[in-house]
Amino acid sequence: MVDFTVIWIDAEADRAVAEVVGRGRFEVVSEPAEHLPMTVVPDPTGLPDHGRTSMMMVVRSCNEDRRPGG
């Protein structure tokens, strides 16, 4: 059986990486790391648009904690 969720997440990851690479310069960890959760989690779980802002704040907070000096 084909797991279409995995195929969709892989395709979205490829698209996100291609987009930032196409710009020529990007933050290699935070940009894809912020984009993917905001794309692959809310839709399948039914998170409404107004919940995505809160989710983004949590993702950014986690990323800040992982940076040196964070």
PDB file of N, CA and C in Angstrom:
ATOM      1  N   MET A   1       0.846  -1.190   0.000  1.00  0.00           N
ATOM      2  CA  MET A   1       0.000   0.000   0.000  1.00  0.00           C
ATOM      3  C   MET A   1       0.884   1.244   0.000  1.00  0.00           C
ATOM      4  N   VAL A   2       0.533   2.207  -0.817  1.00  0.00           N
ATOM      5  CA  VAL A   2       1.277   3.454  -0.913  1.00  0.00           C
ATOM      6  C   VAL A   2       0.789   4.407   0.167  1.00  0.00           C
ATOM      7  N   ASP A   3       1.726   4.958   0.906  1.00  0.00           N
ATOM      8  CA  ASP A   3       1.378   5.939   1.931  1.00  0.00           C
ATOM      9  C   ASP A   3       1.453   7.326   1.300  1.00  0.00           C
ATOM     10  N   PHE A   4       0.301   7.842   0.906  1.00  0.00           N
ATOM     11  CA  PHE A   4       0.255   9.126   0.220  1.00  0.00           C
ATOM     12  C   PHE A   4       0.669  10.279   1.119  1.00  0.00           C
ATOM     13  N   THR A   5       0.537  10.117   2.430  1.00  0.00           N
ATOM     14  CA  THR A   5       0.979  11.170   3.348  1.00  0.00           C
ATOM     15  C   THR A   5       2.489  11.345   3.241  1.00  0.00           C
ATOM     16  N   VAL A   6       3.217  10.243   3.208  1.00  0.00           N
ATOM     17  CA  VAL A   6       4.674  10.314   3.090  1.00  0.00           C
ATOM     18  C   VAL A   6       5.066  10.926   1.753  1.00  0.00           C
ATOM     19  N   ILE A   7       4.398  10.537   0.698  1.00  0.00           N
ATOM     20  CA  ILE A   7       4.680  11.097  -0.628  1.00  0.00           C
ATOM     21  C   ILE A   7       4.412  12.595  -0.627  1.00  0.00           C
ATOM     22  N   TRP A   8       3.308  13.026  -0.015  1.00  0.00           N
ATOM     23  CA  TRP A   8       2.960  14.446   0.039  1.00  0.00           C
ATOM     24  C   TRP A   8       3.990  15.226   0.843  1.00  0.00           C
ATOM     25  N   ILE A   9       4.404  14.694   1.998  1.00  0.00           N
ATOM     26  CA  ILE A   9       5.400  15.379   2.830  1.00  0.00           C
ATOM     27  C   ILE A   9       6.734  15.459   2.084  1.00  0.00           C
ATOM     28  N   ASP A  10       7.156  14.384   1.436  1.00  0.00           N
ATOM     29  CA  ASP A  10       8.399  14.410   0.658  1.00  0.00           C
ATOM     30  C   ASP A  10       8.332  15.454  -0.455  1.00  0.00           C
ATOM     31  N   ALA A  11       7.213  15.507  -1.147  1.00  0.00           N
ATOM     32  CA  ALA A  11       7.056  16.477  -2.230  1.00  0.00           C
ATOM     33  C   ALA A  11       7.080  17.905  -1.691  1.00  0.00           C
ATOM     34  N   GLU A  12       6.437  18.131  -0.561  1.00  0.00           N
ATOM     35  CA  GLU A  12       6.426  19.468   0.035  1.00  0.00           C
ATOM     36  C   GLU A  12       7.821  19.860   0.504  1.00  0.00           C
ATOM     37  N   ALA A  13       8.552  18.911   1.082  1.00  0.00           N
ATOM     38  CA  ALA A  13       9.934  19.182   1.507  1.00  0.00           C
ATOM     39  C   ALA A  13      10.807  19.523   0.296  1.00  0.00           C
ATOM     40  N   ASP A  14      10.672  18.757  -0.773  1.00  0.00           N
ATOM     41  CA  ASP A  14      11.433  19.042  -1.994  1.00  0.00           C
ATOM     42  C   ASP A  14      11.095  20.426  -2.537  1.00  0.00           C
ATOM     43  N   ARG A  15       9.813  20.779  -2.536  1.00  0.00           N
ATOM     44  CA  ARG A  15       9.387  22.089  -3.036  1.00  0.00           C
ATOM     45  C   ARG A  15       9.958  23.215  -2.179  1.00  0.00           C
ATOM     46  N   ALA A  16       9.900  23.041  -0.860  1.00  0.00           N
ATOM     47  CA  ALA A  16      10.390  24.077   0.056  1.00  0.00           C
ATOM     48  C   ALA A  16      11.895  24.282  -0.099  1.00  0.00           C
ATOM     49  N   VAL A  17      12.636  23.192  -0.218  1.00  0.00           N
ATOM     50  CA  VAL A  17      14.089  23.293  -0.380  1.00  0.00           C
ATOM     51  C   VAL A  17      14.421  23.927  -1.727  1.00  0.00           C
ATOM     52  N   ALA A  18      13.735  23.528  -2.779  1.00  0.00           N
ATOM     53  CA  ALA A  18      13.976  24.106  -4.105  1.00  0.00           C
ATOM     54  C   ALA A  18      13.710  25.608  -4.098  1.00  0.00           C
ATOM     55  N   GLU A  19      12.682  26.030  -3.369  1.00  0.00           N
ATOM     56  CA  GLU A  19      12.348  27.458  -3.304  1.00  0.00           C
ATOM     57  C   GLU A  19      13.468  28.257  -2.642  1.00  0.00           C
ATOM     58  N   VAL A  20      13.953  27.793  -1.497  1.00  0.00           N
ATOM     59  CA  VAL A  20      14.997  28.561  -0.821  1.00  0.00           C
ATOM     60  C   VAL A  20      16.330  28.464  -1.556  1.00  0.00           C
ATOM     61  N   VAL A  21      16.636  27.322  -2.154  1.00  0.00           N
ATOM     62  CA  VAL A  21      17.871  27.181  -2.926  1.00  0.00           C
ATOM     63  C   VAL A  21      17.819  28.103  -4.141  1.00  0.00           C
ATOM     64  N   GLY A  22      16.643  28.220  -4.738  1.00  0.00           N
ATOM     65  CA  GLY A  22      16.473  29.086  -5.899  1.00  0.00           C
ATOM     66  C   GLY A  22      16.752  30.549  -5.606  1.00  0.00           C
ATOM     67  N   ARG A  23      16.587  30.945  -4.348  1.00  0.00           N
ATOM     68  CA  ARG A  23      16.895  32.329  -3.959  1.00  0.00           C
ATOM     69  C   ARG A  23      18.392  32.550  -3.863  1.00  0.00           C
ATOM     70  N   GLY A  24      19.156  31.471  -3.742  1.00  0.00           N
ATOM     71  CA  GLY A  24      20.601  31.581  -3.714  1.00  0.00           C
ATOM     72  C   GLY A  24      21.198  31.739  -2.328  1.00  0.00           C
ATOM     73  N   ARG A  25      20.433  32.231  -1.384  1.00  0.00           N
ATOM     74  CA  ARG A  25      20.944  32.436  -0.035  1.00  0.00           C
ATOM     75  C   ARG A  25      19.805  32.245   0.943  1.00  0.00           C
ATOM     76  N   PHE A  26      20.061  31.470   2.000  1.00  0.00           N
ATOM     77  CA  PHE A  26      19.005  31.199   2.960  1.00  0.00           C
ATOM     78  C   PHE A  26      19.590  30.622   4.235  1.00  0.00           C
ATOM     79  N   GLU A  27      18.822  30.646   5.289  1.00  0.00           N
ATOM     80  CA  GLU A  27      19.187  30.015   6.549  1.00  0.00           C
ATOM     81  C   GLU A  27      18.823  28.546   6.417  1.00  0.00           C
ATOM     82  N   VAL A  28      19.822  27.699   6.368  1.00  0.00           N
ATOM     83  CA  VAL A  28      19.633  26.294   6.011  1.00  0.00           C
ATOM     84  C   VAL A  28      18.760  25.519   6.998  1.00  0.00           C
ATOM     85  N   VAL A  29      18.758  25.884   8.246  1.00  0.00           N
ATOM     86  CA  VAL A  29      17.975  25.136   9.227  1.00  0.00           C
ATOM     87  C   VAL A  29      16.618  25.770   9.464  1.00  0.00           C
ATOM     88  N   SER A  30      16.598  27.041   9.792  1.00  0.00           N
ATOM     89  CA  SER A  30      15.345  27.637  10.254  1.00  0.00           C
ATOM     90  C   SER A  30      14.293  27.796   9.163  1.00  0.00           C
ATOM     91  N   GLU A  31      14.684  28.150   7.955  1.00  0.00           N
ATOM     92  CA  GLU A  31      13.659  28.381   6.938  1.00  0.00           C
ATOM     93  C   GLU A  31      12.880  27.115   6.591  1.00  0.00           C
ATOM     94  N   PRO A  32      13.544  26.013   6.211  1.00  0.00           N
ATOM     95  CA  PRO A  32      12.764  24.792   5.976  1.00  0.00           C
ATOM     96  C   PRO A  32      12.107  24.271   7.257  1.00  0.00           C
ATOM     97  N   ALA A  33      12.794  24.425   8.380  1.00  0.00           N
ATOM     98  CA  ALA A  33      12.256  23.917   9.645  1.00  0.00           C
ATOM     99  C   ALA A  33      11.005  24.669  10.071  1.00  0.00           C
ATOM    100  N   GLU A  34      10.893  25.914   9.716  1.00  0.00           N
ATOM    101  CA  GLU A  34       9.682  26.672  10.031  1.00  0.00           C
ATOM    102  C   GLU A  34       8.578  26.375   9.020  1.00  0.00           C
ATOM    103  N   HIS A  35       8.946  26.234   7.775  1.00  0.00           N
ATOM    104  CA  HIS A  35       7.944  26.044   6.722  1.00  0.00           C
ATOM    105  C   HIS A  35       7.248  24.680   6.815  1.00  0.00           C
ATOM    106  N   LEU A  36       8.022  23.641   6.970  1.00  0.00           N
ATOM    107  CA  LEU A  36       7.442  22.296   6.902  1.00  0.00           C
ATOM    108  C   LEU A  36       6.394  22.032   7.973  1.00  0.00           C
ATOM    109  N   PRO A  37       6.654  22.338   9.252  1.00  0.00           N
ATOM    110  CA  PRO A  37       5.585  22.091  10.235  1.00  0.00           C
ATOM    111  C   PRO A  37       4.324  22.894   9.941  1.00  0.00           C
ATOM    112  N   MET A  38       4.510  24.093   9.406  1.00  0.00           N
ATOM    113  CA  MET A  38       3.349  24.929   9.110  1.00  0.00           C
ATOM    114  C   MET A  38       2.576  24.414   7.905  1.00  0.00           C
ATOM    115  N   THR A  39       3.195  23.551   7.132  1.00  0.00           N
ATOM    116  CA  THR A  39       2.544  22.999   5.948  1.00  0.00           C
ATOM    117  C   THR A  39       2.014  21.596   6.194  1.00  0.00           C
ATOM    118  N   VAL A  40       2.831  20.736   6.781  1.00  0.00           N
ATOM    119  CA  VAL A  40       2.458  19.328   6.867  1.00  0.00           C
ATOM    120  C   VAL A  40       1.670  18.961   8.125  1.00  0.00           C
ATOM    121  N   VAL A  41       1.605  19.835   9.115  1.00  0.00           N
ATOM    122  CA  VAL A  41       0.844  19.514  10.326  1.00  0.00           C
ATOM    123  C   VAL A  41      -0.576  20.088  10.305  1.00  0.00           C
ATOM    124  N   PRO A  42      -0.758  21.364  10.009  1.00  0.00           N
ATOM    125  CA  PRO A  42      -2.102  21.950  10.137  1.00  0.00           C
ATOM    126  C   PRO A  42      -3.164  21.337   9.227  1.00  0.00           C
ATOM    127  N   ASP A  43      -2.852  21.098   7.972  1.00  0.00           N
ATOM    128  CA  ASP A  43      -3.871  20.606   7.041  1.00  0.00           C
ATOM    129  C   ASP A  43      -4.422  19.233   7.436  1.00  0.00           C
ATOM    130  N   PRO A  44      -3.557  18.224   7.620  1.00  0.00           N
ATOM    131  CA  PRO A  44      -4.102  16.908   7.976  1.00  0.00           C
ATOM    132  C   PRO A  44      -4.784  16.863   9.347  1.00  0.00           C
ATOM    133  N   THR A  45      -4.347  17.733  10.259  1.00  0.00           N
ATOM    134  CA  THR A  45      -4.937  17.717  11.598  1.00  0.00           C
ATOM    135  C   THR A  45      -6.157  18.622  11.703  1.00  0.00           C
ATOM    136  N   GLY A  46      -6.409  19.413  10.671  1.00  0.00           N
ATOM    137  CA  GLY A  46      -7.575  20.290  10.688  1.00  0.00           C
ATOM    138  C   GLY A  46      -7.382  21.561  11.497  1.00  0.00           C
ATOM    139  N   LEU A  47      -6.130  21.951  11.763  1.00  0.00           N
ATOM    140  CA  LEU A  47      -5.864  23.179  12.508  1.00  0.00           C
ATOM    141  C   LEU A  47      -6.339  24.374  11.695  1.00  0.00           C
ATOM    142  N   PRO A  48      -7.215  25.198  12.263  1.00  0.00           N
ATOM    143  CA  PRO A  48      -7.719  26.355  11.508  1.00  0.00           C
ATOM    144  C   PRO A  48      -6.624  27.401  11.291  1.00  0.00           C
ATOM    145  N   ASP A  49      -6.847  28.268  10.334  1.00  0.00           N
ATOM    146  CA  ASP A  49      -5.855  29.294  10.007  1.00  0.00           C
ATOM    147  C   ASP A  49      -5.440  30.106  11.227  1.00  0.00           C
ATOM    148  N   HIS A  50      -6.385  30.463  12.088  1.00  0.00           N
ATOM    149  CA  HIS A  50      -6.026  31.303  13.234  1.00  0.00           C
ATOM    150  C   HIS A  50      -5.139  30.558  14.237  1.00  0.00           C
ATOM    151  N   GLY A  51      -5.091  29.245  14.201  1.00  0.00           N
ATOM    152  CA  GLY A  51      -4.213  28.475  15.079  1.00  0.00           C
ATOM    153  C   GLY A  51      -2.789  28.377  14.562  1.00  0.00           C
ATOM    154  N   ARG A  52      -2.606  28.684  13.300  1.00  0.00           N
ATOM    155  CA  ARG A  52      -1.276  28.565  12.691  1.00  0.00           C
ATOM    156  C   ARG A  52      -0.320  29.631  13.217  1.00  0.00           C
ATOM    157  N   THR A  53      -0.829  30.780  13.568  1.00  0.00           N
ATOM    158  CA  THR A  53       0.027  31.830  14.124  1.00  0.00           C
ATOM    159  C   THR A  53       0.630  31.371  15.444  1.00  0.00           C
ATOM    160  N   SER A  54      -0.189  30.795  16.298  1.00  0.00           N
ATOM    161  CA  SER A  54       0.314  30.286  17.577  1.00  0.00           C
ATOM    162  C   SER A  54       1.309  29.164  17.355  1.00  0.00           C
ATOM    163  N   MET A  55       1.011  28.308  16.407  1.00  0.00           N
ATOM    164  CA  MET A  55       1.906  27.200  16.112  1.00  0.00           C
ATOM    165  C   MET A  55       3.259  27.731  15.633  1.00  0.00           C
ATOM    166  N   MET A  56       3.245  28.769  14.808  1.00  0.00           N
ATOM    167  CA  MET A  56       4.486  29.352  14.302  1.00  0.00           C
ATOM    168  C   MET A  56       5.308  29.947  15.436  1.00  0.00           C
ATOM    169  N   MET A  57       4.664  30.555  16.396  1.00  0.00           N
ATOM    170  CA  MET A  57       5.375  31.118  17.544  1.00  0.00           C
ATOM    171  C   MET A  57       6.086  30.006  18.319  1.00  0.00           C
ATOM    172  N   VAL A  58       5.445  28.867  18.467  1.00  0.00           N
ATOM    173  CA  VAL A  58       6.058  27.733  19.167  1.00  0.00           C
ATOM    174  C   VAL A  58       7.256  27.209  18.375  1.00  0.00           C
ATOM    175  N   VAL A  59       7.108  27.063  17.068  1.00  0.00           N
ATOM    176  CA  VAL A  59       8.205  26.575  16.223  1.00  0.00           C
ATOM    177  C   VAL A  59       9.401  27.515  16.315  1.00  0.00           C
ATOM    178  N   ARG A  60       9.155  28.818  16.212  1.00  0.00           N
ATOM    179  CA  ARG A  60      10.260  29.783  16.291  1.00  0.00           C
ATOM    180  C   ARG A  60      10.926  29.748  17.657  1.00  0.00           C
ATOM    181  N   SER A  61      10.146  29.606  18.698  1.00  0.00           N
ATOM    182  CA  SER A  61      10.697  29.523  20.044  1.00  0.00           C
ATOM    183  C   SER A  61      11.610  28.306  20.182  1.00  0.00           C
ATOM    184  N   CYS A  62      11.180  27.185  19.655  1.00  0.00           N
ATOM    185  CA  CYS A  62      12.002  25.969  19.705  1.00  0.00           C
ATOM    186  C   CYS A  62      13.298  26.157  18.928  1.00  0.00           C
ATOM    187  N   ASN A  63      13.211  26.804  17.773  1.00  0.00           N
ATOM    188  CA  ASN A  63      14.413  27.041  16.971  1.00  0.00           C
ATOM    189  C   ASN A  63      15.372  27.974  17.691  1.00  0.00           C
ATOM    190  N   GLU A  64      14.857  28.989  18.369  1.00  0.00           N
ATOM    191  CA  GLU A  64      15.713  29.910  19.115  1.00  0.00           C
ATOM    192  C   GLU A  64      16.452  29.177  20.228  1.00  0.00           C
ATOM    193  N   ASP A  65      15.799  28.248  20.880  1.00  0.00           N
ATOM    194  CA  ASP A  65      16.425  27.494  21.970  1.00  0.00           C
ATOM    195  C   ASP A  65      17.568  26.620  21.470  1.00  0.00           C
ATOM    196  N   ARG A  66      17.554  26.263  20.204  1.00  0.00           N
ATOM    197  CA  ARG A  66      18.582  25.380  19.653  1.00  0.00           C
ATOM    198  C   ARG A  66      19.787  26.134  19.123  1.00  0.00           C
ATOM    199  N   ARG A  67      19.665  27.429  18.942  1.00  0.00           N
ATOM    200  CA  ARG A  67      20.773  28.207  18.409  1.00  0.00           C
ATOM    201  C   ARG A  67      21.808  28.475  19.495  1.00  0.00           C
ATOM    202  N   PRO A  68      23.068  28.581  19.107  1.00  0.00           N
ATOM    203  CA  PRO A  68      24.085  28.911  20.118  1.00  0.00           C
ATOM    204  C   PRO A  68      23.726  30.211  20.833  1.00  0.00           C
ATOM    205  N   GLY A  69      23.797  30.200  22.115  1.00  0.00           N
ATOM    206  CA  GLY A  69      23.462  31.381  22.909  1.00  0.00           C
ATOM    207  C   GLY A  69      21.974  31.557  23.121  1.00  0.00           C
ATOM    208  N   GLY A  70      21.151  30.608  22.591  1.00  0.00           N
ATOM    209  CA  GLY A  70      19.692  30.714  22.680  1.00  0.00           C
ATOM    210  C   GLY A  70      19.156  30.204  23.978  1.00  0.00           C
TER     211      GLY A  70
END
